[in-house]
Amino acid sequence: MNNDIFDVPTGYPLCMETDCPVGGHCLRQKARQMLSKSEKTVRIVNPLLTQPSAQCEFYRSDEPQVFARGFAAMKEEMLPRQYRVFMNRLQEHFGRTGYFERRRGERLCTPQDIEVIVSVLKDLGLQHLGFDSYERHYDW
């Protein structure tokens, strides 16, 4: 494994489950395998709560996921009433600052964020609208 490929976030919780059948494709396992002796302390997920399977709540696939950057262009495609509902619902979910950071593209929209935003668009009958751009990253 090449350390340049995986830039593990500082303090990322590692998994100590060595007999997991999907451990070879879990970011938490890969991060554990990259430990060096220079790291004196590490964070781990609670071993009492892990399940050696893809259904484990701590499993993180090593497949890059689609993230979105910005959705400012959506406003131009909405009627004012639609935009107010859209903005209010997302601010309830992300908070005011979180909403605007995501809208401007300063903060990436995670796959989970994308689901929330698409759900609101669908409720408004605007599921055809897209994000400003898309990127592929590991979903740490």
Protein backbone atom coordinates (compact mmCIF):
# COMPACT_ATOMS: atom_id res chain seq x y z
CA MET A 1 0.00 0.00 0.00
CA ASN A 2 1.31 3.42 -0.95
CA ASN A 3 1.08 6.08 1.78
CA ASP A 4 0.70 8.77 -0.91
CA ILE A 5 -2.64 7.27 -1.93
CA PHE A 6 -4.11 7.34 1.57
CA ASP A 7 -3.73 10.62 3.41
CA VAL A 8 -5.25 9.46 6.70
CA PRO A 9 -6.86 12.35 8.64
CA THR A 10 -5.22 13.11 11.98
CA GLY A 11 -6.95 11.29 14.82
CA TYR A 12 -8.91 9.03 12.48
CA PRO A 13 -10.38 6.11 14.51
CA LEU A 14 -8.79 2.79 13.57
CA CYS A 15 -10.32 -0.68 13.65
CA MET A 16 -8.49 -3.41 15.53
CA GLU A 17 -10.71 -6.25 14.19
CA THR A 18 -8.10 -8.46 12.49
CA ASP A 19 -10.41 -11.26 11.30
CA CYS A 20 -12.94 -9.10 9.42
CA PRO A 21 -13.78 -10.53 5.98
CA VAL A 22 -14.07 -7.01 4.49
CA GLY A 23 -11.08 -5.57 6.36
CA GLY A 24 -9.01 -5.53 3.18
CA HIS A 25 -11.38 -2.89 1.76
CA CYS A 26 -12.03 -0.87 4.93
CA LEU A 27 -10.34 2.50 5.37
CA ARG A 28 -10.15 1.98 9.13
CA GLN A 29 -8.20 -1.27 8.64
CA LYS A 30 -5.94 0.28 6.01
CA ALA A 31 -5.22 3.21 8.31
CA ARG A 32 -4.31 0.76 11.10
CA GLN A 33 -1.91 -1.05 8.77
CA MET A 34 -0.17 2.26 8.03
CA LEU A 35 0.64 2.97 11.69
CA SER A 36 4.23 3.83 12.45
CA LYS A 37 6.19 3.63 15.69
CA SER A 38 6.36 7.43 15.75
CA GLU A 39 2.67 7.55 16.70
CA LYS A 40 2.58 7.04 20.46
CA THR A 41 -1.21 7.12 20.84
CA VAL A 42 -4.06 6.33 18.46
CA ARG A 43 -7.87 6.43 18.43
CA ILE A 44 -9.74 3.19 17.86
CA VAL A 45 -13.39 2.32 17.39
CA ASN A 46 -14.83 0.43 20.35
CA PRO A 47 -13.96 -3.22 19.68
CA LEU A 48 -17.05 -4.27 21.65
CA LEU A 49 -19.25 -2.61 19.02
CA THR A 50 -17.58 -3.79 15.80
CA GLN A 51 -19.08 -6.53 13.64
CA PRO A 52 -16.75 -8.31 11.22
CA SER A 53 -18.87 -7.63 8.10
CA ALA A 54 -19.81 -4.90 5.62
CA GLN A 55 -22.83 -4.19 7.86
CA CYS A 56 -20.55 -2.90 10.63
CA GLU A 57 -21.47 0.68 11.45
CA PHE A 58 -17.77 1.60 11.42
CA TYR A 59 -16.98 0.11 7.99
CA ARG A 60 -15.68 2.66 5.50
CA SER A 61 -15.22 1.46 1.94
CA ASP A 62 -11.86 2.10 0.29
CA GLU A 63 -13.68 2.94 -2.96
CA PRO A 64 -13.61 6.68 -3.67
CA GLN A 65 -17.07 8.20 -3.31
CA VAL A 66 -18.73 11.07 -5.19
CA PHE A 67 -18.71 14.38 -3.34
CA ALA A 68 -20.26 17.61 -4.63
CA ARG A 69 -18.83 21.11 -4.47
CA GLY A 70 -21.32 23.95 -4.39
CA PHE A 71 -24.93 24.37 -5.42
CA ALA A 72 -25.15 28.13 -5.97
CA ALA A 73 -26.39 27.63 -9.55
CA MET A 74 -29.51 25.85 -8.24
CA LYS A 75 -30.89 29.16 -6.93
CA GLU A 76 -31.08 30.54 -10.48
CA GLU A 77 -33.34 27.65 -11.51
CA MET A 78 -35.80 28.02 -8.62
CA LEU A 79 -38.77 30.26 -8.07
CA PRO A 80 -38.35 32.53 -5.02
CA ARG A 81 -40.83 30.50 -2.93
CA GLN A 82 -39.09 27.24 -3.86
CA TYR A 83 -35.73 28.68 -2.91
CA ARG A 84 -37.01 29.89 0.49
CA VAL A 85 -38.33 26.40 1.30
CA PHE A 86 -35.13 24.80 -0.02
CA MET A 87 -32.87 27.13 1.97
CA ASN A 88 -34.93 26.90 5.18
CA ARG A 89 -35.03 23.09 5.17
CA LEU A 90 -31.31 22.80 4.52
CA GLN A 91 -30.46 25.41 7.15
CA GLU A 92 -32.50 23.40 9.65
CA HIS A 93 -30.36 20.39 8.79
CA PHE A 94 -26.87 21.94 8.31
CA GLY A 95 -27.20 25.18 10.27
CA ARG A 96 -26.87 28.62 8.68
CA THR A 97 -23.07 28.62 8.34
CA GLY A 98 -22.96 25.00 7.18
CA TYR A 99 -25.60 25.70 4.54
CA PHE A 100 -23.78 28.70 3.07
CA GLU A 101 -20.36 27.01 3.17
CA ARG A 102 -21.79 24.08 1.21
CA ARG A 103 -23.70 26.33 -1.20
CA ARG A 104 -20.58 28.37 -2.02
CA GLY A 105 -18.47 25.21 -2.35
CA GLU A 106 -16.17 26.06 0.56
CA ARG A 107 -17.19 22.79 2.23
CA LEU A 108 -17.61 19.61 0.22
CA CYS A 109 -21.02 17.94 0.29
CA THR A 110 -20.50 14.38 1.46
CA PRO A 111 -22.48 11.51 -0.05
CA GLN A 112 -24.81 11.80 2.98
CA ASP A 113 -25.20 15.57 2.45
CA ILE A 114 -26.00 14.95 -1.22
CA GLU A 115 -28.79 12.56 -0.21
CA VAL A 116 -30.34 15.22 2.05
CA ILE A 117 -30.13 17.94 -0.61
CA VAL A 118 -31.50 15.68 -3.36
CA SER A 119 -34.38 14.67 -1.07
CA VAL A 120 -35.34 18.33 -0.56
CA LEU A 121 -35.08 18.95 -4.32
CA LYS A 122 -37.29 15.93 -4.97
CA ASP A 123 -39.90 17.22 -2.50
CA LEU A 124 -39.93 20.49 -4.46
CA GLY A 125 -40.17 18.72 -7.82
CA LEU A 126 -36.69 19.89 -8.81
CA GLN A 127 -34.74 16.63 -8.89
CA HIS A 128 -33.26 17.60 -12.30
CA LEU A 129 -31.01 20.24 -10.72
CA GLY A 130 -27.34 19.40 -10.26
CA PHE A 131 -24.43 20.57 -8.14
CA ASP A 132 -21.81 23.03 -9.41
CA SER A 133 -19.16 20.28 -9.66
CA TYR A 134 -18.41 16.75 -8.52
CA GLU A 135 -15.23 15.19 -7.11
CA ARG A 136 -14.18 11.72 -6.04
CA HIS A 137 -12.62 11.28 -2.58
CA TYR A 138 -12.34 8.69 0.14
CA ASP A 139 -15.24 8.98 2.59
CA TRP A 140 -13.17 8.98 5.77
